[in-house]
Amino acid sequence: MTFETALEISSQRGWLARVAPSFRDAVLAVSRVKYFDSGDYVYHVGDTSDGLWCLASGVLGIEVAAGEFHPELRMIRHTGTWYGETAIITGANRVVALRAMQRCTMLHLPQHKLEAILASNPSYWQWIALLAAEHSLLAMQVAEDLMMRDTRQRIAMILLRLSGFVDADGGQTSPIIASQQEIGRICNISRGVLNKVLKDFENSGLIRSTYCQIDLLAPEGLLQFASV
């Protein structure tokens, strides 16, 4: 992916498409493209903040560490999504990790460049607050998904969430790149239970499941099933 294409995608989809044009232009003017192979980490839990990151292409895994436990995959995110505002707001180290689930193109806004933009116009902080609010809303939605009592409906809704279909920029799906063991942990069920439900969904024509990847073939049908 070229630098120009990465800028275009980052400005037309996701958080940056919802900010003031002057702030968007300032961000894009000083951002740079970086590439990560599958399995690479953009940053780890505990790292110091180095600015904001946007996914221009590929699939990212969000890993979270509960207490002293080892970080585990908790969410999958897709094109146009930005990360890193929490450490900027709090001044603390990273509380989540970003792992490339496949080759990714990332747009990087360095910390010192962002600080200069914010210092030039303090009202721009509202856009950092917007990004934080969007991530807080996502966390609440995921928590609500996990509260669904029916296991099959819970799996259906989480698949929709992981694919991006019910995201803030929802309406289209991206491949879910993760192992069944990882998805089972996200859904808080065993791999065996997940495998059975996935086979039922596949036999119904709702999904296609291959090694470490799930494609949603009929997301509207899956959403209808989850909403009954």
Protein backbone atom coordinates (compact mmCIF):
# COMPACT_ATOMS: atom_id res chain seq x y z
CA MET A 1 0.00 0.00 0.00
CA THR A 2 1.31 3.46 -0.88
CA PHE A 3 1.59 6.33 1.54
CA GLU A 4 -1.08 8.25 -0.37
CA THR A 5 -3.54 5.34 -0.20
CA ALA A 6 -2.94 4.93 3.53
CA LEU A 7 -3.67 8.62 4.07
CA GLU A 8 -6.85 8.40 2.01
CA ILE A 9 -8.18 5.38 3.89
CA SER A 10 -7.29 6.84 7.28
CA SER A 11 -9.07 10.11 6.53
CA GLN A 12 -12.26 8.60 5.06
CA ARG A 13 -13.03 5.82 7.55
CA GLY A 14 -13.00 5.66 11.31
CA TRP A 15 -12.30 8.27 13.97
CA LEU A 16 -10.36 10.69 11.78
CA ALA A 17 -13.31 10.99 9.40
CA ARG A 18 -15.37 12.43 12.29
CA VAL A 19 -13.03 15.18 13.47
CA ALA A 20 -12.67 18.79 12.33
CA PRO A 21 -10.98 19.10 8.89
CA SER A 22 -8.26 21.35 10.30
CA PHE A 23 -7.30 18.74 12.91
CA ARG A 24 -7.48 15.94 10.33
CA ASP A 25 -5.19 17.82 7.95
CA ALA A 26 -2.71 18.53 10.73
CA VAL A 27 -2.60 14.84 11.71
CA LEU A 28 -2.17 13.56 8.17
CA ALA A 29 0.56 16.11 7.40
CA VAL A 30 2.93 14.66 10.02
CA SER A 31 1.95 10.97 10.03
CA ARG A 32 4.12 8.28 8.50
CA VAL A 33 3.50 4.77 7.17
CA LYS A 34 5.01 1.68 8.80
CA TYR A 35 4.58 -2.01 7.97
CA PHE A 36 4.19 -5.01 10.28
CA ASP A 37 4.28 -8.69 9.36
CA SER A 38 1.88 -11.23 10.82
CA GLY A 39 2.73 -11.80 14.49
CA ASP A 40 4.60 -8.52 14.90
CA TYR A 41 3.64 -6.20 17.74
CA VAL A 42 2.98 -2.52 17.12
CA TYR A 43 3.38 -2.07 20.86
CA HIS A 44 3.18 -4.15 24.03
CA VAL A 45 1.44 -3.79 27.38
CA GLY A 46 3.72 -1.65 29.53
CA ASP A 47 5.40 0.23 26.67
CA THR A 48 5.72 3.99 26.94
CA SER A 49 3.52 6.00 24.62
CA ASP A 50 4.95 6.82 21.20
CA GLY A 51 1.82 8.46 19.77
CA LEU A 52 -1.26 7.31 17.87
CA TRP A 53 -1.54 4.46 15.38
CA CYS A 54 -4.10 3.87 12.63
CA LEU A 55 -4.71 0.60 10.78
CA ALA A 56 -4.73 1.38 7.05
CA SER A 57 -4.83 -2.26 5.89
CA GLY A 58 -4.79 -5.71 7.46
CA VAL A 59 -6.21 -7.00 10.73
CA LEU A 60 -5.07 -6.13 14.27
CA GLY A 61 -5.53 -8.08 17.47
CA ILE A 62 -6.07 -6.17 20.71
CA GLU A 63 -4.51 -7.95 23.68
CA VAL A 64 -5.45 -7.08 27.24
CA ALA A 65 -3.79 -8.13 30.49
CA ALA A 66 -6.05 -8.57 33.52
CA GLY A 67 -4.03 -7.83 36.63
CA GLU A 68 -0.76 -9.76 36.54
CA PHE A 69 -1.94 -12.27 33.93
CA HIS A 70 -0.34 -12.64 30.52
CA PRO A 71 -2.05 -10.50 27.82
CA GLU A 72 -4.66 -12.37 25.78
CA LEU A 73 -6.55 -11.53 22.59
CA ARG A 74 -9.79 -9.76 23.43
CA MET A 75 -10.80 -7.92 20.24
CA ILE A 76 -10.03 -7.83 16.51
CA ARG A 77 -10.03 -4.51 14.70
CA HIS A 78 -10.06 -3.48 11.08
CA THR A 79 -9.26 -0.71 8.61
CA GLY A 80 -9.62 2.88 9.76
CA THR A 81 -9.37 2.27 13.49
CA TRP A 82 -7.01 4.32 15.68
CA TYR A 83 -5.28 3.40 18.96
CA GLY A 84 -3.09 4.84 21.70
CA GLU A 85 -5.08 7.72 23.20
CA THR A 86 -5.27 6.31 26.74
CA ALA A 87 -1.53 6.60 27.38
CA ILE A 88 -1.58 10.12 25.92
CA ILE A 89 -4.40 11.22 28.22
CA THR A 90 -3.09 9.56 31.39
CA GLY A 91 0.66 9.78 30.81
CA ALA A 92 0.89 6.13 31.88
CA ASN A 93 2.32 3.19 29.98
CA ARG A 94 0.32 1.17 27.46
CA VAL A 95 -2.52 -0.88 28.95
CA VAL A 96 -3.18 -2.96 25.82
CA ALA A 97 -1.03 -4.49 23.10
CA LEU A 98 -1.52 -4.35 19.33
CA ARG A 99 -0.56 -7.48 17.37
CA ALA A 100 -0.68 -7.85 13.59
CA MET A 101 -2.91 -10.84 12.76
CA GLN A 102 -1.77 -10.58 9.12
CA ARG A 103 0.52 -8.16 7.29
CA CYS A 104 -0.57 -4.66 8.28
CA THR A 105 -0.01 -1.16 7.02
CA MET A 106 -0.09 1.33 9.88
CA LEU A 107 -0.15 5.10 9.93
CA HIS A 108 1.91 6.46 12.83
CA LEU A 109 1.42 9.89 14.40
CA PRO A 110 4.49 10.37 16.62
CA GLN A 111 3.97 11.57 20.17
CA HIS A 112 5.94 14.81 19.81
CA LYS A 113 4.10 15.69 16.61
CA LEU A 114 0.74 15.13 18.26
CA GLU A 115 1.77 17.20 21.29
CA ALA A 116 2.71 20.07 18.97
CA ILE A 117 -0.68 19.87 17.23
CA LEU A 118 -2.54 19.91 20.55
CA ALA A 119 -0.43 22.79 21.86
CA SER A 120 -1.23 24.83 18.74
CA ASN A 121 -4.96 24.61 19.44
CA PRO A 122 -6.09 23.27 22.84
CA SER A 123 -9.63 22.76 21.49
CA TYR A 124 -8.21 19.86 19.50
CA TRP A 125 -8.20 17.84 22.72
CA GLN A 126 -11.92 17.26 22.13
CA TRP A 127 -10.98 14.94 19.27
CA ILE A 128 -8.71 12.88 21.53
CA ALA A 129 -11.64 12.73 23.96
CA LEU A 130 -13.87 11.54 21.11
CA LEU A 131 -11.50 8.66 20.36
CA ALA A 132 -11.44 7.70 24.04
CA ALA A 133 -15.24 7.85 24.18
CA GLU A 134 -15.56 5.62 21.13
CA HIS A 135 -13.30 3.01 22.70
CA SER A 136 -15.21 3.22 26.00
CA LEU A 137 -18.46 2.63 24.12
CA LEU A 138 -16.92 -0.35 22.34
CA ALA A 139 -15.83 -1.84 25.67
CA MET A 140 -19.36 -1.46 27.05
CA GLN A 141 -20.84 -3.08 23.93
CA VAL A 142 -18.47 -6.03 24.20
CA ALA A 143 -19.35 -6.41 27.88
CA GLU A 144 -23.03 -6.44 26.93
CA ASP A 145 -22.34 -9.08 24.26
CA LEU A 146 -20.72 -11.30 26.86
CA MET A 147 -23.79 -10.99 29.10
CA MET A 148 -26.04 -12.69 26.53
CA ARG A 149 -27.28 -15.87 28.19
CA ASP A 150 -27.86 -17.91 25.04
CA THR A 151 -24.48 -19.30 23.98
CA ARG A 152 -25.29 -19.44 20.26
CA GLN A 153 -26.61 -15.89 20.22
CA ARG A 154 -23.58 -14.70 22.17
CA ILE A 155 -21.22 -16.31 19.66
CA ALA A 156 -23.17 -14.82 16.76
CA MET A 157 -23.01 -11.29 18.18
CA ILE A 158 -19.31 -11.54 19.02
CA LEU A 159 -18.55 -12.77 15.49
CA LEU A 160 -20.40 -9.74 14.15
CA ARG A 161 -18.39 -7.52 16.49
CA LEU A 162 -15.05 -9.12 15.59
CA SER A 163 -15.77 -8.78 11.85
CA GLY A 164 -16.54 -5.07 12.20
CA PHE A 165 -20.13 -5.43 10.98
CA VAL A 166 -21.59 -3.84 14.13
CA ASP A 167 -18.70 -1.44 14.69
CA ALA A 168 -18.99 2.37 14.76
CA ASP A 169 -18.35 2.22 11.01
CA GLY A 170 -20.34 -0.99 10.59
CA GLY A 171 -22.32 -2.34 7.70
CA GLN A 172 -19.53 -4.32 6.09
CA THR A 173 -17.44 -7.26 7.24
CA SER A 174 -13.76 -8.10 7.28
CA PRO A 175 -12.20 -11.53 7.85
CA ILE A 176 -11.86 -12.65 11.46
CA ILE A 177 -8.21 -13.72 11.65
CA ALA A 178 -7.81 -15.75 14.84
CA SER A 179 -7.65 -19.33 16.04
CA GLN A 180 -10.75 -21.05 17.42
CA GLN A 181 -9.01 -21.25 20.78
CA GLU A 182 -8.60 -17.46 20.80
CA ILE A 183 -12.20 -16.85 19.71
CA GLY A 184 -13.40 -19.30 22.36
CA ARG A 185 -11.60 -17.32 25.04
CA ILE A 186 -13.12 -14.08 23.76
CA CYS A 187 -16.60 -15.69 23.89
CA ASN A 188 -15.83 -17.23 27.31
CA ILE A 189 -16.62 -20.77 26.12
CA SER A 190 -14.66 -23.92 25.39
CA ARG A 191 -13.18 -24.59 21.97
CA GLY A 192 -15.40 -27.68 21.64
CA VAL A 193 -18.61 -25.72 22.18
CA LEU A 194 -17.44 -23.03 19.76
CA ASN A 195 -16.53 -25.58 17.09
CA LYS A 196 -20.00 -27.14 17.21
CA VAL A 197 -21.77 -23.79 16.89
CA LEU A 198 -19.48 -22.67 14.07
CA LYS A 199 -20.27 -25.86 12.16
CA ASP A 200 -23.99 -25.19 12.59
CA PHE A 201 -23.54 -21.62 11.33
CA GLU A 202 -21.50 -22.89 8.39
CA ASN A 203 -24.09 -25.53 7.49
CA SER A 204 -26.70 -22.76 7.52
CA GLY A 205 -24.66 -20.69 5.07
CA LEU A 206 -23.98 -17.90 7.57
CA ILE A 207 -20.19 -18.20 7.76
CA ARG A 208 -17.22 -19.93 6.17
CA SER A 209 -14.64 -21.25 8.60
CA THR A 210 -11.09 -22.15 7.54
CA TYR A 211 -7.82 -22.45 9.43
CA CYS A 212 -7.50 -19.41 11.69
CA GLN A 213 -10.05 -17.43 9.68
CA ILE A 214 -13.82 -16.93 9.68
CA ASP A 215 -15.66 -15.07 6.92
CA LEU A 216 -19.21 -13.88 7.47
CA LEU A 217 -21.22 -14.82 4.37
CA ALA A 218 -24.61 -13.57 5.60
CA PRO A 219 -24.05 -11.02 8.38
CA GLU A 220 -27.64 -9.77 8.25
CA GLY A 221 -28.85 -13.31 8.90
CA LEU A 222 -26.40 -13.73 11.73
CA LEU A 223 -27.56 -10.42 13.25
CA GLN A 224 -31.20 -11.49 12.97
CA PHE A 225 -30.35 -14.75 14.72
CA ALA A 226 -28.50 -12.92 17.50
CA SER A 227 -31.36 -10.47 18.00
CA VAL A 228 -34.21 -12.97 18.37
